[in-house]
């Protein structure tokens, strides 16, 4: 097993630890007074964590010179989508019992739910087109433009996380700061060379 394969296995093992712990706590009845709410919160946070980590891969690769990091970005993004789907399934099946009218009413009355669903809706085509085959079909430039929508999903996710809180806003604010830093890095990479070249001229 080479280093890349080992690192991918390591990512998979670590990414599957949380659902394993959830399953174990569910089996032992340790999910608290409201197990559904606990699972909802856990899967939602994990979705955002993996999404932000996947967005951090490119800046880390350029800052550290570790070009091999790009090999793990797709896997991290797919885990974000996986936990987003788990979050939606928990909400729609275990919380709402697939009551479509109740879900629609919930979305209408609580816009943060609509934001969360919109974020997952954006991640769906990105997950589908994450393979090398789709890069060839769409072409590199079109594929990159499509996958920049991940930042929109991340913004929706952070706002969703913030609005769902009742009192403790510490972690949503931290997530917002991380996302703002990632945006700032992209803007710096895009505009700093132009500013430097204009200054020299």
C-alpha atoms as a PDB file:
ATOM      1  CA  UNK A   1       0.000   0.000   0.000  1.00  0.00           C
ATOM      2  CA  UNK A   2       1.468   3.358  -1.037  1.00  0.00           C
ATOM      3  CA  UNK A   3       1.166   6.645   0.871  1.00  0.00           C
ATOM      4  CA  UNK A   4      -1.861   7.859  -1.120  1.00  0.00           C
ATOM      5  CA  UNK A   5      -3.799   4.654  -0.538  1.00  0.00           C
ATOM      6  CA  UNK A   6      -2.889   4.663   3.149  1.00  0.00           C
ATOM      7  CA  UNK A   7      -4.035   8.282   3.553  1.00  0.00           C
ATOM      8  CA  UNK A   8      -7.319   7.569   1.791  1.00  0.00           C
ATOM      9  CA  UNK A   9      -7.954   4.595   4.065  1.00  0.00           C
ATOM     10  CA  UNK A  10      -7.117   6.817   7.032  1.00  0.00           C
ATOM     11  CA  UNK A  11      -9.637   9.437   5.867  1.00  0.00           C
ATOM     12  CA  UNK A  12     -12.354   6.809   5.392  1.00  0.00           C
ATOM     13  CA  UNK A  13     -11.746   5.259   8.808  1.00  0.00           C
ATOM     14  CA  UNK A  14     -11.830   8.626  10.567  1.00  0.00           C
ATOM     15  CA  UNK A  15     -14.868   9.793   8.591  1.00  0.00           C
ATOM     16  CA  UNK A  16     -16.806   6.678   9.610  1.00  0.00           C
ATOM     17  CA  UNK A  17     -15.981   6.967  13.316  1.00  0.00           C
ATOM     18  CA  UNK A  18     -18.851   9.414  14.077  1.00  0.00           C
ATOM     19  CA  UNK A  19     -21.664   7.240  12.617  1.00  0.00           C
ATOM     20  CA  UNK A  20     -20.145   4.229  14.358  1.00  0.00           C
ATOM     21  CA  UNK A  21     -20.262   6.082  17.667  1.00  0.00           C
ATOM     22  CA  UNK A  22     -23.827   7.216  16.938  1.00  0.00           C
ATOM     23  CA  UNK A  23     -24.872   3.639  16.249  1.00  0.00           C
ATOM     24  CA  UNK A  24     -23.199   2.452  19.444  1.00  0.00           C
ATOM     25  CA  UNK A  25     -24.830   5.187  21.542  1.00  0.00           C
ATOM     26  CA  UNK A  26     -28.192   4.432  19.939  1.00  0.00           C
ATOM     27  CA  UNK A  27     -27.775   0.744  20.802  1.00  0.00           C
ATOM     28  CA  UNK A  28     -26.964   1.637  24.405  1.00  0.00           C
ATOM     29  CA  UNK A  29     -29.687   4.288  24.613  1.00  0.00           C
ATOM     30  CA  UNK A  30     -27.218   7.118  25.203  1.00  0.00           C
ATOM     31  CA  UNK A  31     -28.488   9.631  22.642  1.00  0.00           C
ATOM     32  CA  UNK A  32     -30.269  11.745  25.218  1.00  0.00           C
ATOM     33  CA  UNK A  33     -33.908  12.667  25.670  1.00  0.00           C
ATOM     34  CA  UNK A  34     -34.332  13.508  21.976  1.00  0.00           C
ATOM     35  CA  UNK A  35     -32.244  11.089  19.875  1.00  0.00           C
ATOM     36  CA  UNK A  36     -33.507  12.459  16.546  1.00  0.00           C
ATOM     37  CA  UNK A  37     -32.462  15.990  17.427  1.00  0.00           C
ATOM     38  CA  UNK A  38     -29.056  14.727  18.537  1.00  0.00           C
ATOM     39  CA  UNK A  39     -28.493  12.857  15.259  1.00  0.00           C
ATOM     40  CA  UNK A  40     -29.739  15.858  13.274  1.00  0.00           C
ATOM     41  CA  UNK A  41     -27.278  18.153  15.011  1.00  0.00           C
ATOM     42  CA  UNK A  42     -24.384  15.715  14.648  1.00  0.00           C
ATOM     43  CA  UNK A  43     -24.882  14.983  10.943  1.00  0.00           C
ATOM     44  CA  UNK A  44     -25.410  18.675  10.193  1.00  0.00           C
ATOM     45  CA  UNK A  45     -22.177  19.702  11.897  1.00  0.00           C
ATOM     46  CA  UNK A  46     -20.262  16.882  10.182  1.00  0.00           C
ATOM     47  CA  UNK A  47     -21.589  18.017   6.796  1.00  0.00           C
ATOM     48  CA  UNK A  48     -20.252  21.517   7.357  1.00  0.00           C
ATOM     49  CA  UNK A  49     -16.938  20.297   8.772  1.00  0.00           C
ATOM     50  CA  UNK A  50     -16.185  18.082   5.776  1.00  0.00           C
ATOM     51  CA  UNK A  51     -17.341  20.795   3.381  1.00  0.00           C
ATOM     52  CA  UNK A  52     -14.981  23.357   4.913  1.00  0.00           C
ATOM     53  CA  UNK A  53     -12.099  20.870   5.031  1.00  0.00           C
ATOM     54  CA  UNK A  54     -12.602  20.067   1.344  1.00  0.00           C
ATOM     55  CA  UNK A  55     -12.542  23.799   0.534  1.00  0.00           C
ATOM     56  CA  UNK A  56      -9.349  24.208   2.545  1.00  0.00           C
ATOM     57  CA  UNK A  57      -7.465  21.625   0.474  1.00  0.00           C
ATOM     58  CA  UNK A  58      -6.499  23.967  -2.369  1.00  0.00           C
ATOM     59  CA  UNK A  59      -5.204  26.794  -0.118  1.00  0.00           C
ATOM     60  CA  UNK A  60      -3.258  24.281   1.986  1.00  0.00           C
ATOM     61  CA  UNK A  61      -1.824  22.701  -1.154  1.00  0.00           C
ATOM     62  CA  UNK A  62      -0.586  26.042  -2.461  1.00  0.00           C
ATOM     63  CA  UNK A  63       0.693  27.325   0.874  1.00  0.00           C
ATOM     64  CA  UNK A  64       2.536  24.141   1.835  1.00  0.00           C
ATOM     65  CA  UNK A  65       3.560  23.036  -1.656  1.00  0.00           C
ATOM     66  CA  UNK A  66       1.964  19.638  -0.975  1.00  0.00           C
ATOM     67  CA  UNK A  67       0.376  19.075  -4.386  1.00  0.00           C
ATOM     68  CA  UNK A  68      -0.581  15.547  -3.369  1.00  0.00           C
ATOM     69  CA  UNK A  69      -3.285  16.973  -1.089  1.00  0.00           C
ATOM     70  CA  UNK A  70      -5.496  17.517  -4.142  1.00  0.00           C
ATOM     71  CA  UNK A  71      -5.947  13.730  -4.345  1.00  0.00           C
ATOM     72  CA  UNK A  72      -8.093  13.786  -1.205  1.00  0.00           C
ATOM     73  CA  UNK A  73     -10.367  16.739  -1.990  1.00  0.00           C
ATOM     74  CA  UNK A  74     -12.948  14.683  -3.895  1.00  0.00           C
ATOM     75  CA  UNK A  75     -13.224  12.129  -1.098  1.00  0.00           C
ATOM     76  CA  UNK A  76     -13.688  14.861   1.520  1.00  0.00           C
ATOM     77  CA  UNK A  77     -16.359  16.529  -0.597  1.00  0.00           C
ATOM     78  CA  UNK A  78     -18.202  13.250  -1.051  1.00  0.00           C
ATOM     79  CA  UNK A  79     -18.203  12.698   2.704  1.00  0.00           C
ATOM     80  CA  UNK A  80     -19.754  16.158   3.096  1.00  0.00           C
ATOM     81  CA  UNK A  81     -22.476  15.091   0.680  1.00  0.00           C
ATOM     82  CA  UNK A  82     -22.885  11.763   2.500  1.00  0.00           C
ATOM     83  CA  UNK A  83     -23.462  13.468   5.840  1.00  0.00           C
ATOM     84  CA  UNK A  84     -25.744  16.017   4.199  1.00  0.00           C
ATOM     85  CA  UNK A  85     -27.876  13.150   2.896  1.00  0.00           C
ATOM     86  CA  UNK A  86     -27.856  11.536   6.356  1.00  0.00           C
ATOM     87  CA  UNK A  87     -28.970  14.880   7.787  1.00  0.00           C
ATOM     88  CA  UNK A  88     -31.847  15.108   5.295  1.00  0.00           C
ATOM     89  CA  UNK A  89     -32.908  11.480   5.825  1.00  0.00           C
ATOM     90  CA  UNK A  90     -32.941  11.984   9.590  1.00  0.00           C
ATOM     91  CA  UNK A  91     -35.107  15.074   9.214  1.00  0.00           C
ATOM     92  CA  UNK A  92     -37.527  13.833   6.566  1.00  0.00           C
ATOM     93  CA  UNK A  93     -37.989  10.236   7.776  1.00  0.00           C
ATOM     94  CA  UNK A  94     -37.321  10.130  11.506  1.00  0.00           C
ATOM     95  CA  UNK A  95     -38.427  13.652  12.391  1.00  0.00           C
ATOM     96  CA  UNK A  96     -41.213  14.255   9.869  1.00  0.00           C
ATOM     97  CA  UNK A  97     -42.161  10.633   9.019  1.00  0.00           C
ATOM     98  CA  UNK A  98     -42.097  11.524   5.300  1.00  0.00           C
ATOM     99  CA  UNK A  99     -45.068  13.859   5.800  1.00  0.00           C
ATOM    100  CA  UNK A 100     -44.662  15.920   2.620  1.00  0.00           C
ATOM    101  CA  UNK A 101     -47.210  18.571   3.603  1.00  0.00           C
ATOM    102  CA  UNK A 102     -45.585  18.893   7.016  1.00  0.00           C
ATOM    103  CA  UNK A 103     -42.140  19.266   5.444  1.00  0.00           C
ATOM    104  CA  UNK A 104     -43.388  21.939   3.018  1.00  0.00           C
ATOM    105  CA  UNK A 105     -45.052  23.815   5.872  1.00  0.00           C
ATOM    106  CA  UNK A 106     -41.845  23.546   7.905  1.00  0.00           C
ATOM    107  CA  UNK A 107     -39.788  24.913   5.025  1.00  0.00           C
ATOM    108  CA  UNK A 108     -42.227  27.797   4.557  1.00  0.00           C
ATOM    109  CA  UNK A 109     -42.322  28.735   8.226  1.00  0.00           C
ATOM    110  CA  UNK A 110     -38.610  28.206   8.951  1.00  0.00           C
ATOM    111  CA  UNK A 111     -36.455  29.561   6.099  1.00  0.00           C
ATOM    112  CA  UNK A 112     -33.256  28.083   7.563  1.00  0.00           C
ATOM    113  CA  UNK A 113     -34.573  24.646   6.570  1.00  0.00           C
ATOM    114  CA  UNK A 114     -34.935  25.868   2.993  1.00  0.00           C
ATOM    115  CA  UNK A 115     -31.332  27.081   3.123  1.00  0.00           C
ATOM    116  CA  UNK A 116     -30.137  23.685   4.300  1.00  0.00           C
ATOM    117  CA  UNK A 117     -32.050  21.871   1.576  1.00  0.00           C
ATOM    118  CA  UNK A 118     -30.760  24.325  -1.024  1.00  0.00           C
ATOM    119  CA  UNK A 119     -27.190  23.659   0.112  1.00  0.00           C
ATOM    120  CA  UNK A 120     -27.692  19.905  -0.289  1.00  0.00           C
ATOM    121  CA  UNK A 121     -29.384  20.481  -3.651  1.00  0.00           C
ATOM    122  CA  UNK A 122     -26.262  22.319  -4.822  1.00  0.00           C
ATOM    123  CA  UNK A 123     -23.999  19.538  -3.566  1.00  0.00           C
ATOM    124  CA  UNK A 124     -25.952  16.880  -5.481  1.00  0.00           C
ATOM    125  CA  UNK A 125     -24.764  17.780  -9.020  1.00  0.00           C
ATOM    126  CA  UNK A 126     -21.276  18.430  -7.658  1.00  0.00           C
ATOM    127  CA  UNK A 127     -21.148  14.940  -6.179  1.00  0.00           C
ATOM    128  CA  UNK A 128     -22.470  13.393  -9.398  1.00  0.00           C
ATOM    129  CA  UNK A 129     -19.922  15.233 -11.558  1.00  0.00           C
ATOM    130  CA  UNK A 130     -16.956  14.687  -9.244  1.00  0.00           C
ATOM    131  CA  UNK A 131     -15.434  11.895 -11.340  1.00  0.00           C
ATOM    132  CA  UNK A 132     -12.670  12.263 -13.929  1.00  0.00           C
ATOM    133  CA  UNK A 133     -15.145  11.139 -16.588  1.00  0.00           C
ATOM    134  CA  UNK A 134     -17.355  14.150 -15.908  1.00  0.00           C
ATOM    135  CA  UNK A 135     -14.363  16.484 -16.019  1.00  0.00           C
ATOM    136  CA  UNK A 136     -13.714  15.241 -19.567  1.00  0.00           C
ATOM    137  CA  UNK A 137     -17.391  15.489 -20.562  1.00  0.00           C
ATOM    138  CA  UNK A 138     -17.851  19.020 -19.277  1.00  0.00           C
ATOM    139  CA  UNK A 139     -14.370  20.305 -20.051  1.00  0.00           C
ATOM    140  CA  UNK A 140     -12.029  21.670 -17.419  1.00  0.00           C
ATOM    141  CA  UNK A 141     -13.270  25.278 -17.421  1.00  0.00           C
ATOM    142  CA  UNK A 142     -16.983  24.439 -17.318  1.00  0.00           C
ATOM    143  CA  UNK A 143     -16.332  21.827 -14.642  1.00  0.00           C
ATOM    144  CA  UNK A 144     -14.473  24.367 -12.508  1.00  0.00           C
ATOM    145  CA  UNK A 145     -17.260  26.945 -12.902  1.00  0.00           C
ATOM    146  CA  UNK A 146     -19.850  24.380 -11.850  1.00  0.00           C
ATOM    147  CA  UNK A 147     -17.856  23.284  -8.820  1.00  0.00           C
ATOM    148  CA  UNK A 148     -17.344  26.845  -7.625  1.00  0.00           C
ATOM    149  CA  UNK A 149     -20.985  26.607  -6.561  1.00  0.00           C
ATOM    150  CA  UNK A 150     -19.641  24.700  -3.559  1.00  0.00           C
ATOM    151  CA  UNK A 151     -18.962  28.107  -2.004  1.00  0.00           C
ATOM    152  CA  UNK A 152     -22.650  28.989  -2.319  1.00  0.00           C
ATOM    153  CA  UNK A 153     -23.517  25.700  -0.617  1.00  0.00           C
ATOM    154  CA  UNK A 154     -21.023  26.507   2.140  1.00  0.00           C
ATOM    155  CA  UNK A 155     -22.541  29.967   2.700  1.00  0.00           C
ATOM    156  CA  UNK A 156     -26.029  28.450   2.888  1.00  0.00           C
ATOM    157  CA  UNK A 157     -24.701  25.809   5.285  1.00  0.00           C
ATOM    158  CA  UNK A 158     -23.099  28.336   7.628  1.00  0.00           C
ATOM    159  CA  UNK A 159     -26.220  30.539   7.674  1.00  0.00           C
ATOM    160  CA  UNK A 160     -28.377  27.448   8.249  1.00  0.00           C
ATOM    161  CA  UNK A 161     -26.122  26.462  11.162  1.00  0.00           C
ATOM    162  CA  UNK A 162     -26.318  29.971  12.630  1.00  0.00           C
ATOM    163  CA  UNK A 163     -30.082  30.355  12.341  1.00  0.00           C
ATOM    164  CA  UNK A 164     -30.799  26.962  13.868  1.00  0.00           C
ATOM    165  CA  UNK A 165     -29.051  27.935  17.110  1.00  0.00           C
ATOM    166  CA  UNK A 166     -31.094  29.223  20.027  1.00  0.00           C
ATOM    167  CA  UNK A 167     -28.395  30.671  22.262  1.00  0.00           C
ATOM    168  CA  UNK A 168     -24.860  29.359  21.641  1.00  0.00           C
ATOM    169  CA  UNK A 169     -23.531  30.921  18.432  1.00  0.00           C
ATOM    170  CA  UNK A 170     -19.838  30.184  19.040  1.00  0.00           C
ATOM    171  CA  UNK A 171     -19.393  27.334  16.540  1.00  0.00           C
ATOM    172  CA  UNK A 172     -21.478  28.899  13.749  1.00  0.00           C
ATOM    173  CA  UNK A 173     -19.352  32.032  14.089  1.00  0.00           C
ATOM    174  CA  UNK A 174     -16.157  29.943  13.951  1.00  0.00           C
ATOM    175  CA  UNK A 175     -17.477  28.240  10.794  1.00  0.00           C
ATOM    176  CA  UNK A 176     -18.257  31.656   9.326  1.00  0.00           C
ATOM    177  CA  UNK A 177     -14.741  32.914  10.098  1.00  0.00           C
ATOM    178  CA  UNK A 178     -13.174  29.857   8.455  1.00  0.00           C
ATOM    179  CA  UNK A 179     -15.343  30.320   5.354  1.00  0.00           C
ATOM    180  CA  UNK A 180     -14.536  34.040   5.231  1.00  0.00           C
ATOM    181  CA  UNK A 181     -10.819  33.197   5.413  1.00  0.00           C
ATOM    182  CA  UNK A 182     -11.193  30.769   2.501  1.00  0.00           C
ATOM    183  CA  UNK A 183     -13.019  33.435   0.483  1.00  0.00           C
ATOM    184  CA  UNK A 184     -10.324  35.950   1.395  1.00  0.00           C
ATOM    185  CA  UNK A 185      -7.600  33.609   0.204  1.00  0.00           C
ATOM    186  CA  UNK A 186      -9.309  33.104  -3.166  1.00  0.00           C
ATOM    187  CA  UNK A 187      -9.696  36.861  -3.636  1.00  0.00           C
ATOM    188  CA  UNK A 188      -6.072  37.441  -2.687  1.00  0.00           C
ATOM    189  CA  UNK A 189      -4.861  34.821  -5.182  1.00  0.00           C
ATOM    190  CA  UNK A 190      -7.053  36.298  -7.896  1.00  0.00           C
ATOM    191  CA  UNK A 191      -6.331  40.007  -7.446  1.00  0.00           C
ATOM    192  CA  UNK A 192      -2.937  40.295  -5.693  1.00  0.00           C
ATOM    193  CA  UNK A 193      -0.862  39.453  -8.804  1.00  0.00           C
ATOM    194  CA  UNK A 194      -2.771  42.076 -10.808  1.00  0.00           C
ATOM    195  CA  UNK A 195      -2.198  44.706  -8.130  1.00  0.00           C
ATOM    196  CA  UNK A 196       1.523  43.909  -7.983  1.00  0.00           C
ATOM    197  CA  UNK A 197       1.894  44.021 -11.784  1.00  0.00           C
ATOM    198  CA  UNK A 198       0.032  47.355 -11.973  1.00  0.00           C
ATOM    199  CA  UNK A 199       2.218  48.791  -9.212  1.00  0.00           C
ATOM    200  CA  UNK A 200       5.384  47.802 -11.065  1.00  0.00           C
ATOM    201  CA  UNK A 201       4.065  49.383 -14.267  1.00  0.00           C
END
